[in-house]
């Protein structure tokens, strides 16, 4: 199942809060991302309204380039605010590990 279909399914199951335009833009912006991708924050609470889109990527790739690529692609398709955090999965420090462990998150890929 492609990411756009997975996101639509998650929305129908009330696991995430994204509209159609946000789903299409997010799926397109994450197409070539290597690593694990998580949606976190208010958009993982289906009963909430609004809020920015928070993405966490665990990858061994260049953090800045990955973040800029996702945010630029997303904003070209959707003007909603997106925050992209990128951690090196193999080298997370204690603060990053604590953040990852304690946030409310939904795995996208």
PDB file of N, CA and C in Angstrom:
ATOM      1  N   UNK A   1       0.851  -1.173   0.000  1.00  0.00           N
ATOM      2  CA  UNK A   1       0.000   0.000   0.000  1.00  0.00           C
ATOM      3  C   UNK A   1       0.899   1.240   0.000  1.00  0.00           C
ATOM      4  N   UNK A   2       0.596   2.184  -0.883  1.00  0.00           N
ATOM      5  CA  UNK A   2       1.422   3.392  -0.917  1.00  0.00           C
ATOM      6  C   UNK A   2       1.099   4.299   0.270  1.00  0.00           C
ATOM      7  N   UNK A   3       1.969   5.272   0.496  1.00  0.00           N
ATOM      8  CA  UNK A   3       1.836   6.117   1.685  1.00  0.00           C
ATOM      9  C   UNK A   3       0.543   6.918   1.683  1.00  0.00           C
ATOM     10  N   UNK A   4       0.139   7.429   0.540  1.00  0.00           N
ATOM     11  CA  UNK A   4      -1.108   8.201   0.499  1.00  0.00           C
ATOM     12  C   UNK A   4      -2.287   7.340   0.945  1.00  0.00           C
ATOM     13  N   UNK A   5      -2.344   6.104   0.479  1.00  0.00           N
ATOM     14  CA  UNK A   5      -3.420   5.199   0.894  1.00  0.00           C
ATOM     15  C   UNK A   5      -3.329   4.871   2.386  1.00  0.00           C
ATOM     16  N   UNK A   6      -2.103   4.666   2.889  1.00  0.00           N
ATOM     17  CA  UNK A   6      -1.930   4.394   4.325  1.00  0.00           C
ATOM     18  C   UNK A   6      -2.409   5.575   5.161  1.00  0.00           C
ATOM     19  N   UNK A   7      -2.046   6.784   4.745  1.00  0.00           N
ATOM     20  CA  UNK A   7      -2.471   7.976   5.482  1.00  0.00           C
ATOM     21  C   UNK A   7      -3.987   8.111   5.475  1.00  0.00           C
ATOM     22  N   UNK A   8      -4.618   7.864   4.332  1.00  0.00           N
ATOM     23  CA  UNK A   8      -6.086   7.920   4.264  1.00  0.00           C
ATOM     24  C   UNK A   8      -6.709   6.879   5.178  1.00  0.00           C
ATOM     25  N   UNK A   9      -6.143   5.696   5.207  1.00  0.00           N
ATOM     26  CA  UNK A   9      -6.627   4.642   6.092  1.00  0.00           C
ATOM     27  C   UNK A   9      -6.471   5.044   7.562  1.00  0.00           C
ATOM     28  N   UNK A  10      -5.335   5.615   7.915  1.00  0.00           N
ATOM     29  CA  UNK A  10      -5.107   6.074   9.295  1.00  0.00           C
ATOM     30  C   UNK A  10      -6.096   7.167   9.673  1.00  0.00           C
ATOM     31  N   UNK A  11      -6.398   8.048   8.727  1.00  0.00           N
ATOM     32  CA  UNK A  11      -7.376   9.108   9.001  1.00  0.00           C
ATOM     33  C   UNK A  11      -8.756   8.502   9.239  1.00  0.00           C
ATOM     34  N   UNK A  12      -9.161   7.549   8.388  1.00  0.00           N
ATOM     35  CA  UNK A  12     -10.467   6.892   8.563  1.00  0.00           C
ATOM     36  C   UNK A  12     -10.549   6.166   9.902  1.00  0.00           C
ATOM     37  N   UNK A  13      -9.417   5.626  10.364  1.00  0.00           N
ATOM     38  CA  UNK A  13      -9.374   4.906  11.644  1.00  0.00           C
ATOM     39  C   UNK A  13      -9.168   5.841  12.839  1.00  0.00           C
ATOM     40  N   UNK A  14      -9.216   7.152  12.583  1.00  0.00           N
ATOM     41  CA  UNK A  14      -9.039   8.178  13.620  1.00  0.00           C
ATOM     42  C   UNK A  14      -7.695   8.084  14.342  1.00  0.00           C
ATOM     43  N   UNK A  15      -6.651   7.696  13.615  1.00  0.00           N
ATOM     44  CA  UNK A  15      -5.305   7.653  14.193  1.00  0.00           C
ATOM     45  C   UNK A  15      -4.551   8.945  13.959  1.00  0.00           C
ATOM     46  N   UNK A  16      -4.967   9.709  12.933  1.00  0.00           N
ATOM     47  CA  UNK A  16      -4.296  10.965  12.596  1.00  0.00           C
ATOM     48  C   UNK A  16      -5.325  12.015  12.198  1.00  0.00           C
ATOM     49  N   UNK A  17      -4.894  13.267  12.231  1.00  0.00           N
ATOM     50  CA  UNK A  17      -5.741  14.395  11.837  1.00  0.00           C
ATOM     51  C   UNK A  17      -5.028  15.147  10.706  1.00  0.00           C
ATOM     52  N   UNK A  18      -5.365  14.781   9.469  1.00  0.00           N
ATOM     53  CA  UNK A  18      -4.845  15.448   8.276  1.00  0.00           C
ATOM     54  C   UNK A  18      -5.981  15.547   7.265  1.00  0.00           C
ATOM     55  N   UNK A  19      -6.018  16.646   6.489  1.00  0.00           N
ATOM     56  CA  UNK A  19      -7.036  16.732   5.439  1.00  0.00           C
ATOM     57  C   UNK A  19      -6.470  16.165   4.134  1.00  0.00           C
ATOM     58  N   UNK A  20      -7.292  16.119   3.101  1.00  0.00           N
ATOM     59  CA  UNK A  20      -6.885  15.510   1.826  1.00  0.00           C
ATOM     60  C   UNK A  20      -5.638  16.162   1.237  1.00  0.00           C
ATOM     61  N   UNK A  21      -5.604  17.500   1.204  1.00  0.00           N
ATOM     62  CA  UNK A  21      -4.451  18.203   0.634  1.00  0.00           C
ATOM     63  C   UNK A  21      -3.176  17.906   1.419  1.00  0.00           C
ATOM     64  N   UNK A  22      -3.289  17.857   2.734  1.00  0.00           N
ATOM     65  CA  UNK A  22      -2.124  17.559   3.571  1.00  0.00           C
ATOM     66  C   UNK A  22      -1.629  16.134   3.349  1.00  0.00           C
ATOM     67  N   UNK A  23      -2.550  15.210   3.177  1.00  0.00           N
ATOM     68  CA  UNK A  23      -2.169  13.816   2.929  1.00  0.00           C
ATOM     69  C   UNK A  23      -1.423  13.687   1.608  1.00  0.00           C
ATOM     70  N   UNK A  24      -1.951  14.293   0.551  1.00  0.00           N
ATOM     71  CA  UNK A  24      -1.299  14.223  -0.755  1.00  0.00           C
ATOM     72  C   UNK A  24       0.088  14.865  -0.684  1.00  0.00           C
ATOM     73  N   UNK A  25       0.178  16.043  -0.086  1.00  0.00           N
ATOM     74  CA  UNK A  25       1.460  16.748   0.007  1.00  0.00           C
ATOM     75  C   UNK A  25       2.467  15.973   0.850  1.00  0.00           C
ATOM     76  N   UNK A  26       2.016  15.402   1.945  1.00  0.00           N
ATOM     77  CA  UNK A  26       2.916  14.649   2.817  1.00  0.00           C
ATOM     78  C   UNK A  26       3.417  13.388   2.117  1.00  0.00           C
ATOM     79  N   UNK A  27       2.530  12.681   1.453  1.00  0.00           N
ATOM     80  CA  UNK A  27       2.938  11.466   0.733  1.00  0.00           C
ATOM     81  C   UNK A  27       3.968  11.797  -0.345  1.00  0.00           C
ATOM     82  N   UNK A  28       3.743  12.861  -1.089  1.00  0.00           N
ATOM     83  CA  UNK A  28       4.697  13.265  -2.142  1.00  0.00           C
ATOM     84  C   UNK A  28       6.022  13.712  -1.549  1.00  0.00           C
ATOM     85  N   UNK A  29       5.982  14.440  -0.454  1.00  0.00           N
ATOM     86  CA  UNK A  29       7.221  14.981   0.122  1.00  0.00           C
ATOM     87  C   UNK A  29       8.065  13.908   0.800  1.00  0.00           C
ATOM     88  N   UNK A  30       7.481  12.764   1.118  1.00  0.00           N
ATOM     89  CA  UNK A  30       8.213  11.687   1.794  1.00  0.00           C
ATOM     90  C   UNK A  30       8.594  10.542   0.854  1.00  0.00           C
ATOM     91  N   UNK A  31       8.310  10.684  -0.448  1.00  0.00           N
ATOM     92  CA  UNK A  31       8.513   9.595  -1.405  1.00  0.00           C
ATOM     93  C   UNK A  31       9.897   8.947  -1.360  1.00  0.00           C
ATOM     94  N   UNK A  32      10.973   9.716  -1.392  1.00  0.00           N
ATOM     95  CA  UNK A  32      12.325   9.123  -1.478  1.00  0.00           C
ATOM     96  C   UNK A  32      13.074   9.134  -0.155  1.00  0.00           C
ATOM     97  N   UNK A  33      12.406   9.404   0.915  1.00  0.00           N
ATOM     98  CA  UNK A  33      13.089   9.500   2.199  1.00  0.00           C
ATOM     99  C   UNK A  33      13.525   8.112   2.661  1.00  0.00           C
ATOM    100  N   UNK A  34      14.799   8.003   2.978  1.00  0.00           N
ATOM    101  CA  UNK A  34      15.353   6.752   3.484  1.00  0.00           C
ATOM    102  C   UNK A  34      15.305   6.783   5.004  1.00  0.00           C
ATOM    103  N   UNK A  35      14.759   5.757   5.606  1.00  0.00           N
ATOM    104  CA  UNK A  35      14.684   5.693   7.059  1.00  0.00           C
ATOM    105  C   UNK A  35      13.249   5.575   7.534  1.00  0.00           C
ATOM    106  N   UNK A  36      13.093   5.635   8.838  1.00  0.00           N
ATOM    107  CA  UNK A  36      11.770   5.546   9.453  1.00  0.00           C
ATOM    108  C   UNK A  36      11.203   6.947   9.630  1.00  0.00           C
ATOM    109  N   UNK A  37       9.923   7.099   9.304  1.00  0.00           N
ATOM    110  CA  UNK A  37       9.261   8.404   9.375  1.00  0.00           C
ATOM    111  C   UNK A  37       8.072   8.291  10.316  1.00  0.00           C
ATOM    112  N   UNK A  38       7.967   9.270  11.197  1.00  0.00           N
ATOM    113  CA  UNK A  38       6.910   9.301  12.210  1.00  0.00           C
ATOM    114  C   UNK A  38       6.184  10.641  12.164  1.00  0.00           C
ATOM    115  N   UNK A  39       4.870  10.615  12.319  1.00  0.00           N
ATOM    116  CA  UNK A  39       4.064  11.802  12.557  1.00  0.00           C
ATOM    117  C   UNK A  39       3.891  11.888  14.064  1.00  0.00           C
ATOM    118  N   UNK A  40       4.093  13.071  14.641  1.00  0.00           N
ATOM    119  CA  UNK A  40       3.915  13.205  16.085  1.00  0.00           C
ATOM    120  C   UNK A  40       3.230  14.521  16.404  1.00  0.00           C
ATOM    121  N   UNK A  41       2.891  14.683  17.657  1.00  0.00           N
ATOM    122  CA  UNK A  41       2.260  15.924  18.098  1.00  0.00           C
ATOM    123  C   UNK A  41       0.753  15.907  17.920  1.00  0.00           C
ATOM    124  N   UNK A  42       0.185  17.095  17.771  1.00  0.00           N
ATOM    125  CA  UNK A  42      -1.270  17.242  17.755  1.00  0.00           C
ATOM    126  C   UNK A  42      -1.941  16.523  16.597  1.00  0.00           C
ATOM    127  N   UNK A  43      -1.232  16.307  15.500  1.00  0.00           N
ATOM    128  CA  UNK A  43      -1.842  15.645  14.342  1.00  0.00           C
ATOM    129  C   UNK A  43      -2.036  14.142  14.557  1.00  0.00           C
ATOM    130  N   UNK A  44      -1.551  13.616  15.664  1.00  0.00           N
ATOM    131  CA  UNK A  44      -1.810  12.209  15.997  1.00  0.00           C
ATOM    132  C   UNK A  44      -3.054  12.074  16.870  1.00  0.00           C
ATOM    133  N   UNK A  45      -3.740  13.182  17.094  1.00  0.00           N
ATOM    134  CA  UNK A  45      -4.966  13.189  17.887  1.00  0.00           C
ATOM    135  C   UNK A  45      -6.113  13.614  16.973  1.00  0.00           C
ATOM    136  N   UNK A  46      -6.870  12.649  16.489  1.00  0.00           N
ATOM    137  CA  UNK A  46      -7.892  12.896  15.472  1.00  0.00           C
ATOM    138  C   UNK A  46      -8.969  13.889  15.908  1.00  0.00           C
ATOM    139  N   UNK A  47      -9.213  14.013  17.197  1.00  0.00           N
ATOM    140  CA  UNK A  47     -10.272  14.901  17.681  1.00  0.00           C
ATOM    141  C   UNK A  47      -9.830  16.363  17.785  1.00  0.00           C
ATOM    142  N   UNK A  48      -8.548  16.647  17.581  1.00  0.00           N
ATOM    143  CA  UNK A  48      -8.066  18.032  17.652  1.00  0.00           C
ATOM    144  C   UNK A  48      -8.188  18.700  16.300  1.00  0.00           C
ATOM    145  N   UNK A  49      -8.234  20.010  16.308  1.00  0.00           N
ATOM    146  CA  UNK A  49      -8.319  20.798  15.082  1.00  0.00           C
ATOM    147  C   UNK A  49      -7.038  21.604  14.921  1.00  0.00           C
ATOM    148  N   UNK A  50      -6.613  21.753  13.662  1.00  0.00           N
ATOM    149  CA  UNK A  50      -5.462  22.610  13.357  1.00  0.00           C
ATOM    150  C   UNK A  50      -4.154  22.080  13.896  1.00  0.00           C
ATOM    151  N   UNK A  51      -3.202  22.986  14.044  1.00  0.00           N
ATOM    152  CA  UNK A  51      -1.870  22.639  14.517  1.00  0.00           C
ATOM    153  C   UNK A  51      -0.936  22.377  13.355  1.00  0.00           C
ATOM    154  N   UNK A  52       0.341  22.575  13.602  1.00  0.00           N
ATOM    155  CA  UNK A  52       1.298  22.304  12.543  1.00  0.00           C
ATOM    156  C   UNK A  52       1.506  20.799  12.404  1.00  0.00           C
ATOM    157  N   UNK A  53       2.151  20.410  11.334  1.00  0.00           N
ATOM    158  CA  UNK A  53       2.431  18.999  11.079  1.00  0.00           C
ATOM    159  C   UNK A  53       3.860  18.744  11.522  1.00  0.00           C
ATOM    160  N   UNK A  54       4.021  17.816  12.452  1.00  0.00           N
ATOM    161  CA  UNK A  54       5.335  17.492  13.008  1.00  0.00           C
ATOM    162  C   UNK A  54       5.776  16.129  12.505  1.00  0.00           C
ATOM    163  N   UNK A  55       6.943  16.105  11.877  1.00  0.00           N
ATOM    164  CA  UNK A  55       7.495  14.874  11.305  1.00  0.00           C
ATOM    165  C   UNK A  55       8.846  14.615  11.952  1.00  0.00           C
ATOM    166  N   UNK A  56       9.084  13.362  12.299  1.00  0.00           N
ATOM    167  CA  UNK A  56      10.386  12.929  12.815  1.00  0.00           C
ATOM    168  C   UNK A  56      10.908  11.844  11.884  1.00  0.00           C
ATOM    169  N   UNK A  57      12.137  12.035  11.412  1.00  0.00           N
ATOM    170  CA  UNK A  57      12.770  11.070  10.525  1.00  0.00           C
ATOM    171  C   UNK A  57      13.997  10.503  11.224  1.00  0.00           C
ATOM    172  N   UNK A  58      14.089   9.184  11.259  1.00  0.00           N
ATOM    173  CA  UNK A  58      15.270   8.504  11.774  1.00  0.00           C
ATOM    174  C   UNK A  58      16.022   7.960  10.571  1.00  0.00           C
ATOM    175  N   UNK A  59      17.193   8.508  10.296  1.00  0.00           N
ATOM    176  CA  UNK A  59      17.945   8.145   9.111  1.00  0.00           C
ATOM    177  C   UNK A  59      19.431   8.337   9.353  1.00  0.00           C
ATOM    178  N   UNK A  60      20.234   7.706   8.531  1.00  0.00           N
ATOM    179  CA  UNK A  60      21.680   7.936   8.598  1.00  0.00           C
ATOM    180  C   UNK A  60      22.092   8.986   7.584  1.00  0.00           C
ATOM    181  N   UNK A  61      21.126   9.495   6.812  1.00  0.00           N
ATOM    182  CA  UNK A  61      21.411  10.521   5.808  1.00  0.00           C
ATOM    183  C   UNK A  61      21.664  11.880   6.436  1.00  0.00           C
ATOM    184  N   UNK A  62      22.016  12.832   5.605  1.00  0.00           N
ATOM    185  CA  UNK A  62      22.292  14.200   6.037  1.00  0.00           C
ATOM    186  C   UNK A  62      21.026  14.829   6.626  1.00  0.00           C
ATOM    187  N   UNK A  63      21.073  15.204   7.889  1.00  0.00           N
ATOM    188  CA  UNK A  63      19.896  15.707   8.597  1.00  0.00           C
ATOM    189  C   UNK A  63      19.350  16.990   7.980  1.00  0.00           C
ATOM    190  N   UNK A  64      20.232  17.952   7.707  1.00  0.00           N
ATOM    191  CA  UNK A  64      19.772  19.234   7.166  1.00  0.00           C
ATOM    192  C   UNK A  64      19.155  19.051   5.785  1.00  0.00           C
ATOM    193  N   UNK A  65      19.831  18.307   4.919  1.00  0.00           N
ATOM    194  CA  UNK A  65      19.326  18.100   3.557  1.00  0.00           C
ATOM    195  C   UNK A  65      17.992  17.359   3.578  1.00  0.00           C
ATOM    196  N   UNK A  66      17.869  16.365   4.440  1.00  0.00           N
ATOM    197  CA  UNK A  66      16.620  15.608   4.537  1.00  0.00           C
ATOM    198  C   UNK A  66      15.481  16.509   4.998  1.00  0.00           C
ATOM    199  N   UNK A  67      15.729  17.296   6.027  1.00  0.00           N
ATOM    200  CA  UNK A  67      14.714  18.198   6.552  1.00  0.00           C
ATOM    201  C   UNK A  67      14.281  19.223   5.502  1.00  0.00           C
ATOM    202  N   UNK A  68      15.242  19.825   4.831  1.00  0.00           N
ATOM    203  CA  UNK A  68      14.927  20.844   3.819  1.00  0.00           C
ATOM    204  C   UNK A  68      14.176  20.240   2.638  1.00  0.00           C
ATOM    205  N   UNK A  69      14.570  19.055   2.221  1.00  0.00           N
ATOM    206  CA  UNK A  69      13.914  18.397   1.092  1.00  0.00           C
ATOM    207  C   UNK A  69      12.439  18.146   1.402  1.00  0.00           C
ATOM    208  N   UNK A  70      12.171  17.598   2.565  1.00  0.00           N
ATOM    209  CA  UNK A  70      10.784  17.298   2.942  1.00  0.00           C
ATOM    210  C   UNK A  70       9.968  18.585   3.065  1.00  0.00           C
ATOM    211  N   UNK A  71      10.485  19.558   3.795  1.00  0.00           N
ATOM    212  CA  UNK A  71       9.741  20.803   4.024  1.00  0.00           C
ATOM    213  C   UNK A  71       9.498  21.562   2.719  1.00  0.00           C
ATOM    214  N   UNK A  72      10.485  21.616   1.850  1.00  0.00           N
ATOM    215  CA  UNK A  72      10.343  22.335   0.575  1.00  0.00           C
ATOM    216  C   UNK A  72       9.314  21.669  -0.320  1.00  0.00           C
ATOM    217  N   UNK A  73       9.396  20.359  -0.437  1.00  0.00           N
ATOM    218  CA  UNK A  73       8.418  19.633  -1.262  1.00  0.00           C
ATOM    219  C   UNK A  73       7.008  19.804  -0.706  1.00  0.00           C
ATOM    220  N   UNK A  74       6.885  19.694   0.615  1.00  0.00           N
ATOM    221  CA  UNK A  74       5.572  19.811   1.238  1.00  0.00           C
ATOM    222  C   UNK A  74       4.983  21.194   0.984  1.00  0.00           C
ATOM    223  N   UNK A  75       5.771  22.228   1.237  1.00  0.00           N
ATOM    224  CA  UNK A  75       5.247  23.590   1.111  1.00  0.00           C
ATOM    225  C   UNK A  75       4.925  23.943  -0.332  1.00  0.00           C
ATOM    226  N   UNK A  76       5.577  23.306  -1.299  1.00  0.00           N
ATOM    227  CA  UNK A  76       5.250  23.546  -2.712  1.00  0.00           C
ATOM    228  C   UNK A  76       3.842  23.044  -3.048  1.00  0.00           C
ATOM    229  N   UNK A  77       3.345  22.100  -2.268  1.00  0.00           N
ATOM    230  CA  UNK A  77       2.036  21.504  -2.524  1.00  0.00           C
ATOM    231  C   UNK A  77       0.954  21.926  -1.536  1.00  0.00           C
ATOM    232  N   UNK A  78       1.372  22.387  -0.367  1.00  0.00           N
ATOM    233  CA  UNK A  78       0.424  22.699   0.701  1.00  0.00           C
ATOM    234  C   UNK A  78       1.042  23.775   1.588  1.00  0.00           C
ATOM    235  N   UNK A  79       0.297  24.813   1.888  1.00  0.00           N
ATOM    236  CA  UNK A  79       0.854  25.913   2.663  1.00  0.00           C
ATOM    237  C   UNK A  79       0.701  25.755   4.165  1.00  0.00           C
ATOM    238  N   UNK A  80       0.382  24.569   4.624  1.00  0.00           N
ATOM    239  CA  UNK A  80       0.309  24.304   6.069  1.00  0.00           C
ATOM    240  C   UNK A  80       1.720  24.291   6.638  1.00  0.00           C
ATOM    241  N   UNK A  81       1.852  24.680   7.886  1.00  0.00           N
ATOM    242  CA  UNK A  81       3.158  24.685   8.541  1.00  0.00           C
ATOM    243  C   UNK A  81       3.593  23.252   8.852  1.00  0.00           C
ATOM    244  N   UNK A  82       4.854  22.954   8.527  1.00  0.00           N
ATOM    245  CA  UNK A  82       5.409  21.629   8.796  1.00  0.00           C
ATOM    246  C   UNK A  82       6.751  21.804   9.508  1.00  0.00           C
ATOM    247  N   UNK A  83       6.963  20.994  10.528  1.00  0.00           N
ATOM    248  CA  UNK A  83       8.245  20.949  11.232  1.00  0.00           C
ATOM    249  C   UNK A  83       8.829  19.571  11.013  1.00  0.00           C
ATOM    250  N   UNK A  84      10.075  19.525  10.576  1.00  0.00           N
ATOM    251  CA  UNK A  84      10.730  18.251  10.301  1.00  0.00           C
ATOM    252  C   UNK A  84      11.966  18.139  11.179  1.00  0.00           C
ATOM    253  N   UNK A  85      11.988  17.123  11.995  1.00  0.00           N
ATOM    254  CA  UNK A  85      13.133  16.827  12.858  1.00  0.00           C
ATOM    255  C   UNK A  85      13.787  15.566  12.319  1.00  0.00           C
ATOM    256  N   UNK A  86      15.119  15.586  12.229  1.00  0.00           N
ATOM    257  CA  UNK A  86      15.842  14.428  11.713  1.00  0.00           C
ATOM    258  C   UNK A  86      16.898  14.017  12.728  1.00  0.00           C
ATOM    259  N   UNK A  87      16.851  12.754  13.119  1.00  0.00           N
ATOM    260  CA  UNK A  87      17.850  12.176  14.026  1.00  0.00           C
ATOM    261  C   UNK A  87      18.583  11.054  13.297  1.00  0.00           C
ATOM    262  N   UNK A  88      19.844  10.882  13.639  1.00  0.00           N
ATOM    263  CA  UNK A  88      20.599   9.728  13.172  1.00  0.00           C
ATOM    264  C   UNK A  88      20.210   8.562  14.084  1.00  0.00           C
ATOM    265  N   UNK A  89      19.515   7.594  13.534  1.00  0.00           N
ATOM    266  CA  UNK A  89      18.991   6.481  14.336  1.00  0.00           C
ATOM    267  C   UNK A  89      20.079   5.716  15.063  1.00  0.00           C
ATOM    268  N   UNK A  90      21.263   5.645  14.468  1.00  0.00           N
ATOM    269  CA  UNK A  90      22.357   4.872  15.059  1.00  0.00           C
ATOM    270  C   UNK A  90      23.161   5.676  16.077  1.00  0.00           C
ATOM    271  N   UNK A  91      22.893   6.974  16.173  1.00  0.00           N
ATOM    272  CA  UNK A  91      23.711   7.807  17.059  1.00  0.00           C
ATOM    273  C   UNK A  91      22.885   8.807  17.860  1.00  0.00           C
ATOM    274  N   UNK A  92      21.688   8.418  18.284  1.00  0.00           N
ATOM    275  CA  UNK A  92      20.868   9.334  19.084  1.00  0.00           C
ATOM    276  C   UNK A  92      21.491   9.519  20.455  1.00  0.00           C
ATOM    277  N   UNK A  93      21.549  10.776  20.887  1.00  0.00           N
ATOM    278  CA  UNK A  93      22.030  11.033  22.243  1.00  0.00           C
ATOM    279  C   UNK A  93      20.891  10.798  23.233  1.00  0.00           C
ATOM    280  N   UNK A  94      21.178  10.937  24.502  1.00  0.00           N
ATOM    281  CA  UNK A  94      20.184  10.637  25.543  1.00  0.00           C
ATOM    282  C   UNK A  94      18.945  11.524  25.423  1.00  0.00           C
ATOM    283  N   UNK A  95      19.122  12.801  25.097  1.00  0.00           N
ATOM    284  CA  UNK A  95      17.982  13.706  24.978  1.00  0.00           C
ATOM    285  C   UNK A  95      17.112  13.336  23.789  1.00  0.00           C
ATOM    286  N   UNK A  96      17.743  12.997  22.662  1.00  0.00           N
ATOM    287  CA  UNK A  96      16.987  12.591  21.493  1.00  0.00           C
ATOM    288  C   UNK A  96      16.226  11.289  21.761  1.00  0.00           C
ATOM    289  N   UNK A  97      16.875  10.350  22.413  1.00  0.00           N
ATOM    290  CA  UNK A  97      16.232   9.075  22.742  1.00  0.00           C
ATOM    291  C   UNK A  97      15.042   9.295  23.679  1.00  0.00           C
ATOM    292  N   UNK A  98      15.213  10.170  24.679  1.00  0.00           N
ATOM    293  CA  UNK A  98      14.117  10.480  25.601  1.00  0.00           C
ATOM    294  C   UNK A  98      12.951  11.136  24.851  1.00  0.00           C
ATOM    295  N   UNK A  99      13.265  12.072  23.962  1.00  0.00           N
ATOM    296  CA  UNK A  99      12.237  12.728  23.149  1.00  0.00           C
ATOM    297  C   UNK A  99      11.475  11.689  22.341  1.00  0.00           C
ATOM    298  N   UNK A 100      12.203  10.840  21.628  1.00  0.00           N
ATOM    299  CA  UNK A 100      11.594   9.817  20.786  1.00  0.00           C
ATOM    300  C   UNK A 100      10.720   8.869  21.605  1.00  0.00           C
ATOM    301  N   UNK A 101      11.182   8.494  22.767  1.00  0.00           N
ATOM    302  CA  UNK A 101      10.461   7.547  23.617  1.00  0.00           C
ATOM    303  C   UNK A 101       9.161   8.132  24.162  1.00  0.00           C
ATOM    304  N   UNK A 102       9.158   9.423  24.461  1.00  0.00           N
ATOM    305  CA  UNK A 102       8.021  10.009  25.176  1.00  0.00           C
ATOM    306  C   UNK A 102       6.990  10.732  24.315  1.00  0.00           C
ATOM    307  N   UNK A 103       7.285  10.970  23.048  1.00  0.00           N
ATOM    308  CA  UNK A 103       6.290  11.679  22.221  1.00  0.00           C
ATOM    309  C   UNK A 103       5.179  10.718  21.780  1.00  0.00           C
ATOM    310  N   UNK A 104       4.010  11.285  21.575  1.00  0.00           N
ATOM    311  CA  UNK A 104       2.898  10.549  20.995  1.00  0.00           C
ATOM    312  C   UNK A 104       3.150  10.525  19.492  1.00  0.00           C
ATOM    313  N   UNK A 105       3.338   9.343  18.897  1.00  0.00           N
ATOM    314  CA  UNK A 105       3.737   9.270  17.500  1.00  0.00           C
ATOM    315  C   UNK A 105       3.038   8.131  16.771  1.00  0.00           C
ATOM    316  N   UNK A 106       2.983   8.270  15.448  1.00  0.00           N
ATOM    317  CA  UNK A 106       2.421   7.256  14.576  1.00  0.00           C
ATOM    318  C   UNK A 106       3.426   7.027  13.452  1.00  0.00           C
ATOM    319  N   UNK A 107       3.815   5.777  13.254  1.00  0.00           N
ATOM    320  CA  UNK A 107       4.808   5.455  12.234  1.00  0.00           C
ATOM    321  C   UNK A 107       4.162   5.518  10.847  1.00  0.00           C
ATOM    322  N   UNK A 108       4.812   6.275   9.943  1.00  0.00           N
ATOM    323  CA  UNK A 108       4.313   6.402   8.588  1.00  0.00           C
ATOM    324  C   UNK A 108       5.038   5.481   7.619  1.00  0.00           C
ATOM    325  N   UNK A 109       6.327   5.292   7.836  1.00  0.00           N
ATOM    326  CA  UNK A 109       7.095   4.382   6.975  1.00  0.00           C
ATOM    327  C   UNK A 109       8.318   3.873   7.687  1.00  0.00           C
TER     328      UNK A 109
END
